[in-house]
Every structure is written in structure tokens, then in C-alpha cells.
Amino acid sequence: MAEIVNLRAKRKQAARQAARKQADENAAKHGLTKAEKALQKARAEQARVKLDGHEREEGHERE
């Protein structure tokens, strides 16, 4: 005798698997590794510090 299967549940399960597969492909294609994220964050912080170093002090306005 055949096993009774809920087709709606099977369709939902298949859709979830397809979405998960697509998400994994997108993450591999567009995502950054932990090291790349750390490097990007360090470079942004370095650029911010360099920019702040060039900031003019208050009170030295041209008259």
C-alpha cells in the first residue's frame, strides 16, 4: 500500500529548499568572507581617522 503524502506540504518543502539553494548561491557570489569584512572595516576606520586629521580647528576662520 502506498504512503499518503500531503502535496501542499511537499510543495512548500520544495519551495523552501529552492529558496535556500538560491540564497546560498547569492551569498557565495556576492558575499564577503569574515577576513574581507574585517579588512573593509579597518580601511574605513583608517580613512575616517585620516580625514579627521585634516579637519580644521574651530576659531581659525578667515576674516
PDB file of N, CA and C in Angstrom:
ATOM      1  N   MET A   1       0.830  -1.180   0.000  1.00  0.00           N
ATOM      2  CA  MET A   1       0.000   0.000   0.000  1.00  0.00           C
ATOM      3  C   MET A   1       0.880   1.252   0.000  1.00  0.00           C
ATOM      4  N   ALA A   2       0.473   2.269  -0.688  1.00  0.00           N
ATOM      5  CA  ALA A   2       1.258   3.492  -0.830  1.00  0.00           C
ATOM      6  C   ALA A   2       1.093   4.377   0.401  1.00  0.00           C
ATOM      7  N   GLU A   3       2.128   5.154   0.639  1.00  0.00           N
ATOM      8  CA  GLU A   3       2.104   6.085   1.763  1.00  0.00           C
ATOM      9  C   GLU A   3       1.337   7.341   1.349  1.00  0.00           C
ATOM     10  N   ILE A   4       0.523   7.846   2.267  1.00  0.00           N
ATOM     11  CA  ILE A   4      -0.255   9.055   1.997  1.00  0.00           C
ATOM     12  C   ILE A   4       0.665  10.268   2.182  1.00  0.00           C
ATOM     13  N   VAL A   5       0.660  11.152   1.173  1.00  0.00           N
ATOM     14  CA  VAL A   5       1.548  12.307   1.180  1.00  0.00           C
ATOM     15  C   VAL A   5       0.712  13.572   1.013  1.00  0.00           C
ATOM     16  N   ASN A   6       0.989  14.559   1.831  1.00  0.00           N
ATOM     17  CA  ASN A   6       0.316  15.841   1.728  1.00  0.00           C
ATOM     18  C   ASN A   6       1.057  16.653   0.654  1.00  0.00           C
ATOM     19  N   LEU A   7       0.434  16.854  -0.485  1.00  0.00           N
ATOM     20  CA  LEU A   7       1.091  17.523  -1.604  1.00  0.00           C
ATOM     21  C   LEU A   7       1.397  18.986  -1.305  1.00  0.00           C
ATOM     22  N   ARG A   8       0.542  19.637  -0.558  1.00  0.00           N
ATOM     23  CA  ARG A   8       0.775  21.042  -0.210  1.00  0.00           C
ATOM     24  C   ARG A   8       2.062  21.162   0.618  1.00  0.00           C
ATOM     25  N   ALA A   9       2.235  20.281   1.578  1.00  0.00           N
ATOM     26  CA  ALA A   9       3.436  20.306   2.413  1.00  0.00           C
ATOM     27  C   ALA A   9       4.681  20.002   1.568  1.00  0.00           C
ATOM     28  N   LYS A  10       4.577  19.067   0.636  1.00  0.00           N
ATOM     29  CA  LYS A  10       5.705  18.737  -0.234  1.00  0.00           C
ATOM     30  C   LYS A  10       6.086  19.921  -1.120  1.00  0.00           C
ATOM     31  N   ARG A  11       5.081  20.646  -1.633  1.00  0.00           N
ATOM     32  CA  ARG A  11       5.366  21.822  -2.461  1.00  0.00           C
ATOM     33  C   ARG A  11       6.056  22.899  -1.639  1.00  0.00           C
ATOM     34  N   LYS A  12       5.580  23.113  -0.417  1.00  0.00           N
ATOM     35  CA  LYS A  12       6.203  24.109   0.455  1.00  0.00           C
ATOM     36  C   LYS A  12       7.640  23.713   0.784  1.00  0.00           C
ATOM     37  N   GLN A  13       7.864  22.446   1.048  1.00  0.00           N
ATOM     38  CA  GLN A  13       9.194  21.966   1.344  1.00  0.00           C
ATOM     39  C   GLN A  13      10.123  22.155   0.142  1.00  0.00           C
ATOM     40  N   ALA A  14       9.634  21.866  -1.042  1.00  0.00           N
ATOM     41  CA  ALA A  14      10.432  22.041  -2.254  1.00  0.00           C
ATOM     42  C   ALA A  14      10.742  23.519  -2.484  1.00  0.00           C
ATOM     43  N   ALA A  15       9.767  24.381  -2.216  1.00  0.00           N
ATOM     44  CA  ALA A  15       9.980  25.820  -2.394  1.00  0.00           C
ATOM     45  C   ALA A  15      11.020  26.335  -1.396  1.00  0.00           C
ATOM     46  N   ARG A  16      10.976  25.852  -0.158  1.00  0.00           N
ATOM     47  CA  ARG A  16      11.963  26.264   0.843  1.00  0.00           C
ATOM     48  C   ARG A  16      13.362  25.815   0.443  1.00  0.00           C
ATOM     49  N   GLN A  17      13.481  24.596  -0.063  1.00  0.00           N
ATOM     50  CA  GLN A  17      14.784  24.094  -0.490  1.00  0.00           C
ATOM     51  C   GLN A  17      15.325  24.900  -1.664  1.00  0.00           C
ATOM     52  N   ALA A  18      14.454  25.249  -2.595  1.00  0.00           N
ATOM     53  CA  ALA A  18      14.881  26.039  -3.749  1.00  0.00           C
ATOM     54  C   ALA A  18      15.330  27.437  -3.299  1.00  0.00           C
ATOM     55  N   ALA A  19      14.582  28.037  -2.379  1.00  0.00           N
ATOM     56  CA  ALA A  19      14.944  29.366  -1.879  1.00  0.00           C
ATOM     57  C   ALA A  19      16.268  29.305  -1.121  1.00  0.00           C
ATOM     58  N   ARG A  20      16.472  28.274  -0.341  1.00  0.00           N
ATOM     59  CA  ARG A  20      17.715  28.121   0.408  1.00  0.00           C
ATOM     60  C   ARG A  20      18.898  27.945  -0.546  1.00  0.00           C
ATOM     61  N   LYS A  21      18.703  27.173  -1.610  1.00  0.00           N
ATOM     62  CA  LYS A  21      19.760  26.963  -2.598  1.00  0.00           C
ATOM     63  C   LYS A  21      20.112  28.281  -3.285  1.00  0.00           C
ATOM     64  N   GLN A  22      19.089  29.049  -3.665  1.00  0.00           N
ATOM     65  CA  GLN A  22      19.309  30.344  -4.318  1.00  0.00           C
ATOM     66  C   GLN A  22      20.040  31.300  -3.371  1.00  0.00           C
ATOM     67  N   ALA A  23      19.660  31.300  -2.100  1.00  0.00           N
ATOM     68  CA  ALA A  23      20.309  32.172  -1.122  1.00  0.00           C
ATOM     69  C   ALA A  23      21.778  31.797  -0.949  1.00  0.00           C
ATOM     70  N   ASP A  24      22.073  30.506  -0.923  1.00  0.00           N
ATOM     71  CA  ASP A  24      23.459  30.059  -0.791  1.00  0.00           C
ATOM     72  C   ASP A  24      24.288  30.471  -2.009  1.00  0.00           C
ATOM     73  N   GLU A  25      23.699  30.361  -3.191  1.00  0.00           N
ATOM     74  CA  GLU A  25      24.407  30.777  -4.408  1.00  0.00           C
ATOM     75  C   GLU A  25      24.677  32.276  -4.388  1.00  0.00           C
ATOM     76  N   ASN A  26      23.686  33.067  -3.975  1.00  0.00           N
ATOM     77  CA  ASN A  26      23.868  34.519  -3.915  1.00  0.00           C
ATOM     78  C   ASN A  26      24.921  34.895  -2.884  1.00  0.00           C
ATOM     79  N   ALA A  27      24.919  34.205  -1.744  1.00  0.00           N
ATOM     80  CA  ALA A  27      25.902  34.502  -0.706  1.00  0.00           C
ATOM     81  C   ALA A  27      27.306  34.190  -1.202  1.00  0.00           C
ATOM     82  N   ALA A  28      27.450  33.101  -1.929  1.00  0.00           N
ATOM     83  CA  ALA A  28      28.763  32.745  -2.461  1.00  0.00           C
ATOM     84  C   ALA A  28      29.213  33.739  -3.529  1.00  0.00           C
ATOM     85  N   LYS A  29      28.277  34.214  -4.321  1.00  0.00           N
ATOM     86  CA  LYS A  29      28.617  35.116  -5.419  1.00  0.00           C
ATOM     87  C   LYS A  29      28.881  36.541  -4.919  1.00  0.00           C
ATOM     88  N   HIS A  30      28.057  37.034  -4.001  1.00  0.00           N
ATOM     89  CA  HIS A  30      28.120  38.445  -3.614  1.00  0.00           C
ATOM     90  C   HIS A  30      28.620  38.681  -2.196  1.00  0.00           C
ATOM     91  N   GLY A  31      28.667  37.655  -1.401  1.00  0.00           N
ATOM     92  CA  GLY A  31      29.032  37.835  -0.006  1.00  0.00           C
ATOM     93  C   GLY A  31      30.522  38.019   0.194  1.00  0.00           C
ATOM     94  N   LEU A  32      30.882  38.507   1.364  1.00  0.00           N
ATOM     95  CA  LEU A  32      32.268  38.702   1.731  1.00  0.00           C
ATOM     96  C   LEU A  32      32.641  37.730   2.838  1.00  0.00           C
ATOM     97  N   THR A  33      33.874  37.283   2.830  1.00  0.00           N
ATOM     98  CA  THR A  33      34.337  36.429   3.915  1.00  0.00           C
ATOM     99  C   THR A  33      34.563  37.287   5.153  1.00  0.00           C
ATOM    100  N   LYS A  34      34.745  36.640   6.274  1.00  0.00           N
ATOM    101  CA  LYS A  34      34.964  37.360   7.525  1.00  0.00           C
ATOM    102  C   LYS A  34      36.228  38.210   7.434  1.00  0.00           C
ATOM    103  N   ALA A  35      37.269  37.680   6.814  1.00  0.00           N
ATOM    104  CA  ALA A  35      38.524  38.427   6.673  1.00  0.00           C
ATOM    105  C   ALA A  35      38.329  39.649   5.777  1.00  0.00           C
ATOM    106  N   GLU A  36      37.562  39.496   4.702  1.00  0.00           N
ATOM    107  CA  GLU A  36      37.301  40.628   3.809  1.00  0.00           C
ATOM    108  C   GLU A  36      36.488  41.715   4.515  1.00  0.00           C
ATOM    109  N   LYS A  37      35.531  41.301   5.331  1.00  0.00           N
ATOM    110  CA  LYS A  37      34.738  42.276   6.088  1.00  0.00           C
ATOM    111  C   LYS A  37      35.614  43.025   7.074  1.00  0.00           C
ATOM    112  N   ALA A  38      36.514  42.304   7.754  1.00  0.00           N
ATOM    113  CA  ALA A  38      37.410  42.944   8.719  1.00  0.00           C
ATOM    114  C   ALA A  38      38.343  43.924   8.011  1.00  0.00           C
ATOM    115  N   LEU A  39      38.864  43.538   6.853  1.00  0.00           N
ATOM    116  CA  LEU A  39      39.742  44.415   6.086  1.00  0.00           C
ATOM    117  C   LEU A  39      38.996  45.671   5.645  1.00  0.00           C
ATOM    118  N   GLN A  40      37.777  45.494   5.162  1.00  0.00           N
ATOM    119  CA  GLN A  40      36.965  46.628   4.724  1.00  0.00           C
ATOM    120  C   GLN A  40      36.688  47.575   5.892  1.00  0.00           C
ATOM    121  N   LYS A  41      36.380  47.022   7.056  1.00  0.00           N
ATOM    122  CA  LYS A  41      36.110  47.833   8.244  1.00  0.00           C
ATOM    123  C   LYS A  41      37.366  48.590   8.685  1.00  0.00           C
ATOM    124  N   ALA A  42      38.520  47.920   8.644  1.00  0.00           N
ATOM    125  CA  ALA A  42      39.774  48.558   9.029  1.00  0.00           C
ATOM    126  C   ALA A  42      40.125  49.694   8.076  1.00  0.00           C
ATOM    127  N   ARG A  43      39.927  49.468   6.787  1.00  0.00           N
ATOM    128  CA  ARG A  43      40.217  50.523   5.808  1.00  0.00           C
ATOM    129  C   ARG A  43      39.297  51.725   5.987  1.00  0.00           C
ATOM    130  N   ALA A  44      38.028  51.479   6.284  1.00  0.00           N
ATOM    131  CA  ALA A  44      37.082  52.575   6.506  1.00  0.00           C
ATOM    132  C   ALA A  44      37.477  53.372   7.744  1.00  0.00           C
ATOM    133  N   GLU A  45      37.887  52.676   8.797  1.00  0.00           N
ATOM    134  CA  GLU A  45      38.310  53.353  10.028  1.00  0.00           C
ATOM    135  C   GLU A  45      39.575  54.163   9.765  1.00  0.00           C
ATOM    136  N   GLN A  46      40.514  53.609   9.009  1.00  0.00           N
ATOM    137  CA  GLN A  46      41.746  54.314   8.678  1.00  0.00           C
ATOM    138  C   GLN A  46      41.445  55.572   7.859  1.00  0.00           C
ATOM    139  N   ALA A  47      40.531  55.469   6.927  1.00  0.00           N
ATOM    140  CA  ALA A  47      40.161  56.627   6.112  1.00  0.00           C
ATOM    141  C   ALA A  47      39.472  57.686   6.971  1.00  0.00           C
ATOM    142  N   ARG A  48      38.636  57.252   7.923  1.00  0.00           N
ATOM    143  CA  ARG A  48      37.958  58.205   8.807  1.00  0.00           C
ATOM    144  C   ARG A  48      38.966  58.951   9.674  1.00  0.00           C
ATOM    145  N   VAL A  49      39.936  58.221  10.212  1.00  0.00           N
ATOM    146  CA  VAL A  49      40.958  58.839  11.059  1.00  0.00           C
ATOM    147  C   VAL A  49      41.793  59.825  10.250  1.00  0.00           C
ATOM    148  N   LYS A  50      42.138  59.444   9.024  1.00  0.00           N
ATOM    149  CA  LYS A  50      42.932  60.333   8.174  1.00  0.00           C
ATOM    150  C   LYS A  50      42.153  61.600   7.840  1.00  0.00           C
ATOM    151  N   LEU A  51      40.875  61.445   7.542  1.00  0.00           N
ATOM    152  CA  LEU A  51      40.037  62.597   7.232  1.00  0.00           C
ATOM    153  C   LEU A  51      39.882  63.502   8.450  1.00  0.00           C
ATOM    154  N   ASP A  52      39.677  62.902   9.623  1.00  0.00           N
ATOM    155  CA  ASP A  52      39.549  63.692  10.846  1.00  0.00           C
ATOM    156  C   ASP A  52      40.852  64.434  11.155  1.00  0.00           C
ATOM    157  N   GLY A  53      41.975  63.876  10.743  1.00  0.00           N
ATOM    158  CA  GLY A  53      43.258  64.533  10.966  1.00  0.00           C
ATOM    159  C   GLY A  53      43.415  65.787  10.131  1.00  0.00           C
ATOM    160  N   HIS A  54      42.709  65.889   9.045  1.00  0.00           N
ATOM    161  CA  HIS A  54      42.788  67.062   8.173  1.00  0.00           C
ATOM    162  C   HIS A  54      41.719  68.106   8.497  1.00  0.00           C
ATOM    163  N   GLU A  55      40.947  67.864   9.528  1.00  0.00           N
ATOM    164  CA  GLU A  55      39.872  68.784   9.884  1.00  0.00           C
ATOM    165  C   GLU A  55      40.455  70.086  10.432  1.00  0.00           C
ATOM    166  N   ARG A  56      39.846  71.170  10.048  1.00  0.00           N
ATOM    167  CA  ARG A  56      40.299  72.471  10.535  1.00  0.00           C
ATOM    168  C   ARG A  56      39.794  72.683  11.948  1.00  0.00           C
ATOM    169  N   GLU A  57      40.592  73.364  12.730  1.00  0.00           N
ATOM    170  CA  GLU A  57      40.201  73.650  14.110  1.00  0.00           C
ATOM    171  C   GLU A  57      39.249  74.837  14.118  1.00  0.00           C
ATOM    172  N   GLU A  58      38.375  74.854  15.116  1.00  0.00           N
ATOM    173  CA  GLU A  58      37.442  75.970  15.275  1.00  0.00           C
ATOM    174  C   GLU A  58      38.201  77.202  15.729  1.00  0.00           C
ATOM    175  N   GLY A  59      37.765  78.386  15.321  1.00  0.00           N
ATOM    176  CA  GLY A  59      38.372  79.643  15.760  1.00  0.00           C
ATOM    177  C   GLY A  59      39.438  80.160  14.806  1.00  0.00           C
ATOM    178  N   HIS A  60      39.820  79.392  13.806  1.00  0.00           N
ATOM    179  CA  HIS A  60      40.828  79.836  12.842  1.00  0.00           C
ATOM    180  C   HIS A  60      40.147  80.208  11.524  1.00  0.00           C
ATOM    181  N   GLU A  61      39.109  81.001  11.621  1.00  0.00           N
ATOM    182  CA  GLU A  61      38.370  81.395  10.433  1.00  0.00           C
ATOM    183  C   GLU A  61      39.055  82.605   9.784  1.00  0.00           C
ATOM    184  N   ARG A  62      38.885  82.727   8.493  1.00  0.00           N
ATOM    185  CA  ARG A  62      39.423  83.888   7.770  1.00  0.00           C
ATOM    186  C   ARG A  62      38.555  85.091   8.071  1.00  0.00           C
ATOM    187  N   GLU A  63      39.215  86.185   8.206  1.00  0.00           N
ATOM    188  CA  GLU A  63      38.452  87.427   8.470  1.00  0.00           C
ATOM    189  C   GLU A  63      38.624  88.401   7.354  1.00  0.00           C
TER     190      GLU A  63
END
